[in-house]
């Protein structure tokens, strides 16, 4: 099923949102429903940006686990000097 809105309208809406205009204002200015703008934003974000963000989150979670393992190992090998910690 094709969209009832021209591609140029969608591109203009995306441009206005990227410039920082609220979705409701963009919808009003272009004469479309606000939900249409929200749906277009969600569809655009669900593509490559979302995949990259998920990959980055996975990478950071692995780094956190590695750091925790290093801290635990160092704590076993080199306990605090005076034991008050």
PDB file of N, CA and C in Angstrom:
ATOM      1  N   UNK A   1       0.845  -1.176   0.000  1.00  0.00           N
ATOM      2  CA  UNK A   1       0.000   0.000   0.000  1.00  0.00           C
ATOM      3  C   UNK A   1       0.893   1.242   0.000  1.00  0.00           C
ATOM      4  N   UNK A   2       0.635   2.156  -0.895  1.00  0.00           N
ATOM      5  CA  UNK A   2       1.449   3.362  -0.972  1.00  0.00           C
ATOM      6  C   UNK A   2       0.881   4.443  -0.059  1.00  0.00           C
ATOM      7  N   UNK A   3       1.724   5.370   0.283  1.00  0.00           N
ATOM      8  CA  UNK A   3       1.328   6.472   1.156  1.00  0.00           C
ATOM      9  C   UNK A   3       0.481   7.480   0.384  1.00  0.00           C
ATOM     10  N   UNK A   4      -0.555   8.048   1.020  1.00  0.00           N
ATOM     11  CA  UNK A   4      -1.359   9.068   0.337  1.00  0.00           C
ATOM     12  C   UNK A   4      -0.652  10.420   0.278  1.00  0.00           C
ATOM     13  N   UNK A   5       0.483  10.542   0.954  1.00  0.00           N
ATOM     14  CA  UNK A   5       1.224  11.805   0.982  1.00  0.00           C
ATOM     15  C   UNK A   5       2.410  11.722   0.027  1.00  0.00           C
ATOM     16  N   UNK A   6       2.689  12.789  -0.705  1.00  0.00           N
ATOM     17  CA  UNK A   6       3.837  12.791  -1.609  1.00  0.00           C
ATOM     18  C   UNK A   6       5.154  12.694  -0.830  1.00  0.00           C
ATOM     19  N   UNK A   7       6.144  12.122  -1.483  1.00  0.00           N
ATOM     20  CA  UNK A   7       7.456  11.964  -0.859  1.00  0.00           C
ATOM     21  C   UNK A   7       8.057  13.313  -0.475  1.00  0.00           C
ATOM     22  N   UNK A   8       7.778  14.341  -1.256  1.00  0.00           N
ATOM     23  CA  UNK A   8       8.315  15.671  -0.958  1.00  0.00           C
ATOM     24  C   UNK A   8       7.749  16.210   0.355  1.00  0.00           C
ATOM     25  N   UNK A   9       6.483  15.911   0.630  1.00  0.00           N
ATOM     26  CA  UNK A   9       5.868  16.351   1.883  1.00  0.00           C
ATOM     27  C   UNK A   9       6.534  15.669   3.071  1.00  0.00           C
ATOM     28  N   UNK A  10       6.780  14.378   2.923  1.00  0.00           N
ATOM     29  CA  UNK A  10       7.445  13.632   3.991  1.00  0.00           C
ATOM     30  C   UNK A  10       8.860  14.160   4.221  1.00  0.00           C
ATOM     31  N   UNK A  11       9.577  14.424   3.140  1.00  0.00           N
ATOM     32  CA  UNK A  11      10.937  14.954   3.256  1.00  0.00           C
ATOM     33  C   UNK A  11      10.934  16.317   3.948  1.00  0.00           C
ATOM     34  N   UNK A  12       9.966  17.157   3.604  1.00  0.00           N
ATOM     35  CA  UNK A  12       9.878  18.479   4.233  1.00  0.00           C
ATOM     36  C   UNK A  12       9.574  18.349   5.717  1.00  0.00           C
ATOM     37  N   UNK A  13       8.682  17.419   6.074  1.00  0.00           N
ATOM     38  CA  UNK A  13       8.350  17.195   7.485  1.00  0.00           C
ATOM     39  C   UNK A  13       9.583  16.721   8.251  1.00  0.00           C
ATOM     40  N   UNK A  14      10.317  15.786   7.674  1.00  0.00           N
ATOM     41  CA  UNK A  14      11.520  15.283   8.336  1.00  0.00           C
ATOM     42  C   UNK A  14      12.555  16.388   8.500  1.00  0.00           C
ATOM     43  N   UNK A  15      12.675  17.251   7.489  1.00  0.00           N
ATOM     44  CA  UNK A  15      13.621  18.363   7.568  1.00  0.00           C
ATOM     45  C   UNK A  15      13.244  19.312   8.702  1.00  0.00           C
ATOM     46  N   UNK A  16      11.973  19.651   8.803  1.00  0.00           N
ATOM     47  CA  UNK A  16      11.519  20.572   9.853  1.00  0.00           C
ATOM     48  C   UNK A  16      11.740  19.964  11.242  1.00  0.00           C
ATOM     49  N   UNK A  17      11.486  18.680  11.394  1.00  0.00           N
ATOM     50  CA  UNK A  17      11.701  18.019  12.688  1.00  0.00           C
ATOM     51  C   UNK A  17      13.182  18.029  13.037  1.00  0.00           C
ATOM     52  N   UNK A  18      14.033  17.756  12.050  1.00  0.00           N
ATOM     53  CA  UNK A  18      15.477  17.769  12.299  1.00  0.00           C
ATOM     54  C   UNK A  18      15.971  19.170  12.666  1.00  0.00           C
ATOM     55  N   UNK A  19      15.289  20.200  12.172  1.00  0.00           N
ATOM     56  CA  UNK A  19      15.649  21.576  12.515  1.00  0.00           C
ATOM     57  C   UNK A  19      15.202  21.946  13.926  1.00  0.00           C
ATOM     58  N   UNK A  20      14.436  21.053  14.563  1.00  0.00           N
ATOM     59  CA  UNK A  20      14.048  21.301  15.944  1.00  0.00           C
ATOM     60  C   UNK A  20      12.612  21.721  16.160  1.00  0.00           C
ATOM     61  N   UNK A  21      11.821  21.748  15.110  1.00  0.00           N
ATOM     62  CA  UNK A  21      10.415  22.124  15.260  1.00  0.00           C
ATOM     63  C   UNK A  21       9.635  20.957  15.866  1.00  0.00           C
ATOM     64  N   UNK A  22       8.725  21.238  16.800  1.00  0.00           N
ATOM     65  CA  UNK A  22       7.904  20.169  17.383  1.00  0.00           C
ATOM     66  C   UNK A  22       7.035  19.506  16.319  1.00  0.00           C
ATOM     67  N   UNK A  23       6.763  18.236  16.509  1.00  0.00           N
ATOM     68  CA  UNK A  23       5.988  17.473  15.531  1.00  0.00           C
ATOM     69  C   UNK A  23       4.593  18.061  15.328  1.00  0.00           C
ATOM     70  N   UNK A  24       3.968  18.537  16.394  1.00  0.00           N
ATOM     71  CA  UNK A  24       2.631  19.121  16.256  1.00  0.00           C
ATOM     72  C   UNK A  24       2.666  20.372  15.386  1.00  0.00           C
ATOM     73  N   UNK A  25       3.700  21.188  15.559  1.00  0.00           N
ATOM     74  CA  UNK A  25       3.831  22.403  14.748  1.00  0.00           C
ATOM     75  C   UNK A  25       4.076  22.040  13.287  1.00  0.00           C
ATOM     76  N   UNK A  26       4.921  21.052  13.059  1.00  0.00           N
ATOM     77  CA  UNK A  26       5.215  20.604  11.696  1.00  0.00           C
ATOM     78  C   UNK A  26       3.922  20.122  11.031  1.00  0.00           C
ATOM     79  N   UNK A  27       3.145  19.332  11.757  1.00  0.00           N
ATOM     80  CA  UNK A  27       1.884  18.821  11.206  1.00  0.00           C
ATOM     81  C   UNK A  27       0.936  19.959  10.861  1.00  0.00           C
ATOM     82  N   UNK A  28       0.838  20.937  11.747  1.00  0.00           N
ATOM     83  CA  UNK A  28      -0.048  22.070  11.505  1.00  0.00           C
ATOM     84  C   UNK A  28       0.398  22.849  10.271  1.00  0.00           C
ATOM     85  N   UNK A  29       1.710  23.107  10.174  1.00  0.00           N
ATOM     86  CA  UNK A  29       2.234  23.885   9.051  1.00  0.00           C
ATOM     87  C   UNK A  29       2.032  23.184   7.713  1.00  0.00           C
ATOM     88  N   UNK A  30       2.114  21.853   7.725  1.00  0.00           N
ATOM     89  CA  UNK A  30       2.016  21.106   6.473  1.00  0.00           C
ATOM     90  C   UNK A  30       0.607  20.591   6.188  1.00  0.00           C
ATOM     91  N   UNK A  31      -0.298  20.778   7.147  1.00  0.00           N
ATOM     92  CA  UNK A  31      -1.677  20.354   6.935  1.00  0.00           C
ATOM     93  C   UNK A  31      -1.880  18.853   7.000  1.00  0.00           C
ATOM     94  N   UNK A  32      -1.119  18.190   7.850  1.00  0.00           N
ATOM     95  CA  UNK A  32      -1.268  16.743   8.023  1.00  0.00           C
ATOM     96  C   UNK A  32      -1.517  16.445   9.496  1.00  0.00           C
ATOM     97  N   UNK A  33      -1.901  15.229   9.789  1.00  0.00           N
ATOM     98  CA  UNK A  33      -2.170  14.834  11.171  1.00  0.00           C
ATOM     99  C   UNK A  33      -0.860  14.705  11.948  1.00  0.00           C
ATOM    100  N   UNK A  34      -0.849  15.132  13.214  1.00  0.00           N
ATOM    101  CA  UNK A  34       0.362  14.981  14.030  1.00  0.00           C
ATOM    102  C   UNK A  34       0.817  13.523  14.116  1.00  0.00           C
ATOM    103  N   UNK A  35      -0.140  12.600  14.175  1.00  0.00           N
ATOM    104  CA  UNK A  35       0.228  11.186  14.267  1.00  0.00           C
ATOM    105  C   UNK A  35       1.035  10.732  13.047  1.00  0.00           C
ATOM    106  N   UNK A  36       0.761  11.336  11.899  1.00  0.00           N
ATOM    107  CA  UNK A  36       1.522  11.008  10.686  1.00  0.00           C
ATOM    108  C   UNK A  36       2.983  11.402  10.865  1.00  0.00           C
ATOM    109  N   UNK A  37       3.226  12.574  11.423  1.00  0.00           N
ATOM    110  CA  UNK A  37       4.610  13.019  11.650  1.00  0.00           C
ATOM    111  C   UNK A  37       5.301  12.088  12.645  1.00  0.00           C
ATOM    112  N   UNK A  38       4.589  11.736  13.734  1.00  0.00           N
ATOM    113  CA  UNK A  38       5.179  10.825  14.720  1.00  0.00           C
ATOM    114  C   UNK A  38       5.493   9.470  14.090  1.00  0.00           C
ATOM    115  N   UNK A  39       4.595   8.971  13.238  1.00  0.00           N
ATOM    116  CA  UNK A  39       4.812   7.680  12.597  1.00  0.00           C
ATOM    117  C   UNK A  39       6.013   7.741  11.666  1.00  0.00           C
ATOM    118  N   UNK A  40       6.151   8.832  10.911  1.00  0.00           N
ATOM    119  CA  UNK A  40       7.296   8.990  10.017  1.00  0.00           C
ATOM    120  C   UNK A  40       8.596   9.055  10.802  1.00  0.00           C
ATOM    121  N   UNK A  41       8.580   9.765  11.928  1.00  0.00           N
ATOM    122  CA  UNK A  41       9.791   9.858  12.772  1.00  0.00           C
ATOM    123  C   UNK A  41      10.178   8.482  13.295  1.00  0.00           C
ATOM    124  N   UNK A  42       9.183   7.728  13.765  1.00  0.00           N
ATOM    125  CA  UNK A  42       9.446   6.399  14.311  1.00  0.00           C
ATOM    126  C   UNK A  42       9.999   5.471  13.229  1.00  0.00           C
ATOM    127  N   UNK A  43       9.434   5.554  12.035  1.00  0.00           N
ATOM    128  CA  UNK A  43       9.898   4.715  10.931  1.00  0.00           C
ATOM    129  C   UNK A  43      11.337   5.066  10.549  1.00  0.00           C
ATOM    130  N   UNK A  44      11.661   6.339  10.559  1.00  0.00           N
ATOM    131  CA  UNK A  44      13.023   6.761  10.213  1.00  0.00           C
ATOM    132  C   UNK A  44      14.015   6.314  11.282  1.00  0.00           C
ATOM    133  N   UNK A  45      13.605   6.386  12.548  1.00  0.00           N
ATOM    134  CA  UNK A  45      14.506   6.010  13.641  1.00  0.00           C
ATOM    135  C   UNK A  45      14.661   4.509  13.753  1.00  0.00           C
ATOM    136  N   UNK A  46      13.685   3.751  13.276  1.00  0.00           N
ATOM    137  CA  UNK A  46      13.759   2.305  13.442  1.00  0.00           C
ATOM    138  C   UNK A  46      14.732   1.662  12.471  1.00  0.00           C
ATOM    139  N   UNK A  47      15.238   2.414  11.538  1.00  0.00           N
ATOM    140  CA  UNK A  47      16.162   1.876  10.555  1.00  0.00           C
ATOM    141  C   UNK A  47      17.575   1.761  11.087  1.00  0.00           C
ATOM    142  N   UNK A  48      18.496   2.312  10.361  1.00  0.00           N
ATOM    143  CA  UNK A  48      19.910   2.150  10.669  1.00  0.00           C
ATOM    144  C   UNK A  48      20.318   2.821  11.979  1.00  0.00           C
ATOM    145  N   UNK A  49      19.687   3.943  12.343  1.00  0.00           N
ATOM    146  CA  UNK A  49      20.044   4.625  13.590  1.00  0.00           C
ATOM    147  C   UNK A  49      19.789   3.722  14.790  1.00  0.00           C
ATOM    148  N   UNK A  50      18.652   3.075  14.792  1.00  0.00           N
ATOM    149  CA  UNK A  50      18.311   2.191  15.900  1.00  0.00           C
ATOM    150  C   UNK A  50      19.246   0.993  15.953  1.00  0.00           C
ATOM    151  N   UNK A  51      19.584   0.438  14.819  1.00  0.00           N
ATOM    152  CA  UNK A  51      20.498  -0.701  14.779  1.00  0.00           C
ATOM    153  C   UNK A  51      21.878  -0.307  15.308  1.00  0.00           C
ATOM    154  N   UNK A  52      22.346   0.884  14.904  1.00  0.00           N
ATOM    155  CA  UNK A  52      23.654   1.352  15.403  1.00  0.00           C
ATOM    156  C   UNK A  52      23.605   1.602  16.904  1.00  0.00           C
ATOM    157  N   UNK A  53      22.503   2.173  17.382  1.00  0.00           N
ATOM    158  CA  UNK A  53      22.381   2.445  18.814  1.00  0.00           C
ATOM    159  C   UNK A  53      22.378   1.147  19.614  1.00  0.00           C
ATOM    160  N   UNK A  54      21.659   0.153  19.143  1.00  0.00           N
ATOM    161  CA  UNK A  54      21.634  -1.137  19.843  1.00  0.00           C
ATOM    162  C   UNK A  54      23.006  -1.789  19.860  1.00  0.00           C
ATOM    163  N   UNK A  55      23.719  -1.718  18.742  1.00  0.00           N
ATOM    164  CA  UNK A  55      25.063  -2.285  18.689  1.00  0.00           C
ATOM    165  C   UNK A  55      25.987  -1.570  19.672  1.00  0.00           C
ATOM    166  N   UNK A  56      25.859  -0.254  19.762  1.00  0.00           N
ATOM    167  CA  UNK A  56      26.694   0.522  20.689  1.00  0.00           C
ATOM    168  C   UNK A  56      26.363   0.181  22.130  1.00  0.00           C
ATOM    169  N   UNK A  57      25.083  -0.003  22.456  1.00  0.00           N
ATOM    170  CA  UNK A  57      24.681  -0.387  23.813  1.00  0.00           C
ATOM    171  C   UNK A  57      25.281  -1.747  24.157  1.00  0.00           C
ATOM    172  N   UNK A  58      25.213  -2.686  23.227  1.00  0.00           N
ATOM    173  CA  UNK A  58      25.806  -4.010  23.469  1.00  0.00           C
ATOM    174  C   UNK A  58      27.302  -3.901  23.724  1.00  0.00           C
ATOM    175  N   UNK A  59      27.975  -3.085  22.926  1.00  0.00           N
ATOM    176  CA  UNK A  59      29.418  -2.889  23.101  1.00  0.00           C
ATOM    177  C   UNK A  59      29.729  -2.296  24.475  1.00  0.00           C
ATOM    178  N   UNK A  60      28.968  -1.301  24.896  1.00  0.00           N
ATOM    179  CA  UNK A  60      29.203  -0.666  26.196  1.00  0.00           C
ATOM    180  C   UNK A  60      28.906  -1.623  27.348  1.00  0.00           C
ATOM    181  N   UNK A  61      27.890  -2.465  27.193  1.00  0.00           N
ATOM    182  CA  UNK A  61      27.587  -3.445  28.233  1.00  0.00           C
ATOM    183  C   UNK A  61      28.731  -4.441  28.384  1.00  0.00           C
ATOM    184  N   UNK A  62      29.338  -4.848  27.269  1.00  0.00           N
ATOM    185  CA  UNK A  62      30.498  -5.748  27.347  1.00  0.00           C
ATOM    186  C   UNK A  62      31.666  -5.053  28.039  1.00  0.00           C
ATOM    187  N   UNK A  63      31.877  -3.785  27.757  1.00  0.00           N
ATOM    188  CA  UNK A  63      32.952  -3.038  28.412  1.00  0.00           C
ATOM    189  C   UNK A  63      32.731  -2.939  29.914  1.00  0.00           C
ATOM    190  N   UNK A  64      31.502  -2.710  30.335  1.00  0.00           N
ATOM    191  CA  UNK A  64      31.187  -2.616  31.759  1.00  0.00           C
ATOM    192  C   UNK A  64      31.481  -3.942  32.444  1.00  0.00           C
ATOM    193  N   UNK A  65      31.089  -5.047  31.822  1.00  0.00           N
ATOM    194  CA  UNK A  65      31.364  -6.367  32.409  1.00  0.00           C
ATOM    195  C   UNK A  65      32.866  -6.612  32.519  1.00  0.00           C
ATOM    196  N   UNK A  66      33.607  -6.236  31.488  1.00  0.00           N
ATOM    197  CA  UNK A  66      35.057  -6.403  31.522  1.00  0.00           C
ATOM    198  C   UNK A  66      35.671  -5.566  32.642  1.00  0.00           C
ATOM    199  N   UNK A  67      35.226  -4.327  32.796  1.00  0.00           N
ATOM    200  CA  UNK A  67      35.743  -3.457  33.859  1.00  0.00           C
ATOM    201  C   UNK A  67      35.445  -4.044  35.237  1.00  0.00           C
ATOM    202  N   UNK A  68      34.258  -4.586  35.412  1.00  0.00           N
ATOM    203  CA  UNK A  68      33.908  -5.198  36.695  1.00  0.00           C
ATOM    204  C   UNK A  68      34.789  -6.403  36.991  1.00  0.00           C
ATOM    205  N   UNK A  69      35.077  -7.207  35.964  1.00  0.00           N
ATOM    206  CA  UNK A  69      35.958  -8.357  36.153  1.00  0.00           C
ATOM    207  C   UNK A  69      37.369  -7.911  36.526  1.00  0.00           C
ATOM    208  N   UNK A  70      37.864  -6.866  35.873  1.00  0.00           N
ATOM    209  CA  UNK A  70      39.209  -6.358  36.173  1.00  0.00           C
ATOM    210  C   UNK A  70      39.254  -5.823  37.598  1.00  0.00           C
ATOM    211  N   UNK A  71      38.245  -5.093  38.014  1.00  0.00           N
ATOM    212  CA  UNK A  71      38.209  -4.549  39.371  1.00  0.00           C
ATOM    213  C   UNK A  71      38.180  -5.668  40.396  1.00  0.00           C
ATOM    214  N   UNK A  72      37.391  -6.703  40.150  1.00  0.00           N
ATOM    215  CA  UNK A  72      37.317  -7.832  41.076  1.00  0.00           C
ATOM    216  C   UNK A  72      38.650  -8.561  41.153  1.00  0.00           C
ATOM    217  N   UNK A  73      39.288  -8.772  40.018  1.00  0.00           N
ATOM    218  CA  UNK A  73      40.585  -9.461  39.993  1.00  0.00           C
ATOM    219  C   UNK A  73      41.648  -8.640  40.712  1.00  0.00           C
ATOM    220  N   UNK A  74      41.681  -7.357  40.466  1.00  0.00           N
ATOM    221  CA  UNK A  74      42.674  -6.504  41.131  1.00  0.00           C
ATOM    222  C   UNK A  74      42.421  -6.447  42.630  1.00  0.00           C
ATOM    223  N   UNK A  75      41.160  -6.464  43.039  1.00  0.00           N
ATOM    224  CA  UNK A  75      40.842  -6.472  44.464  1.00  0.00           C
ATOM    225  C   UNK A  75      41.348  -7.724  45.148  1.00  0.00           C
ATOM    226  N   UNK A  76      41.357  -8.849  44.460  1.00  0.00           N
ATOM    227  CA  UNK A  76      41.865 -10.094  45.020  1.00  0.00           C
ATOM    228  C   UNK A  76      43.387 -10.102  45.055  1.00  0.00           C
ATOM    229  N   UNK A  77      44.009  -9.567  44.009  1.00  0.00           N
ATOM    230  CA  UNK A  77      45.464  -9.593  43.913  1.00  0.00           C
ATOM    231  C   UNK A  77      46.114  -8.527  44.783  1.00  0.00           C
ATOM    232  N   UNK A  78      45.486  -7.383  44.931  1.00  0.00           N
ATOM    233  CA  UNK A  78      46.080  -6.267  45.648  1.00  0.00           C
ATOM    234  C   UNK A  78      45.056  -5.707  46.635  1.00  0.00           C
ATOM    235  N   UNK A  79      44.882  -6.360  47.791  1.00  0.00           N
ATOM    236  CA  UNK A  79      43.910  -5.841  48.763  1.00  0.00           C
ATOM    237  C   UNK A  79      44.367  -4.482  49.304  1.00  0.00           C
ATOM    238  N   UNK A  80      43.441  -3.706  49.864  1.00  0.00           N
ATOM    239  CA  UNK A  80      43.816  -2.405  50.411  1.00  0.00           C
ATOM    240  C   UNK A  80      44.912  -2.544  51.468  1.00  0.00           C
ATOM    241  N   UNK A  81      45.782  -1.526  51.611  1.00  0.00           N
ATOM    242  CA  UNK A  81      46.935  -1.598  52.507  1.00  0.00           C
ATOM    243  C   UNK A  81      46.558  -1.726  53.968  1.00  0.00           C
ATOM    244  N   UNK A  82      45.615  -0.898  54.446  1.00  0.00           N
ATOM    245  CA  UNK A  82      45.342  -0.933  55.867  1.00  0.00           C
ATOM    246  C   UNK A  82      44.057  -1.671  56.203  1.00  0.00           C
ATOM    247  N   UNK A  83      43.327  -2.172  55.233  1.00  0.00           N
ATOM    248  CA  UNK A  83      42.145  -2.975  55.476  1.00  0.00           C
ATOM    249  C   UNK A  83      40.952  -2.192  55.986  1.00  0.00           C
ATOM    250  N   UNK A  84      41.010  -0.847  55.968  1.00  0.00           N
ATOM    251  CA  UNK A  84      39.882  -0.072  56.459  1.00  0.00           C
ATOM    252  C   UNK A  84      38.882   0.251  55.361  1.00  0.00           C
ATOM    253  N   UNK A  85      39.201  -0.096  54.173  1.00  0.00           N
ATOM    254  CA  UNK A  85      38.290   0.204  53.059  1.00  0.00           C
ATOM    255  C   UNK A  85      37.251  -0.859  52.902  1.00  0.00           C
TER     256      UNK A  85
END
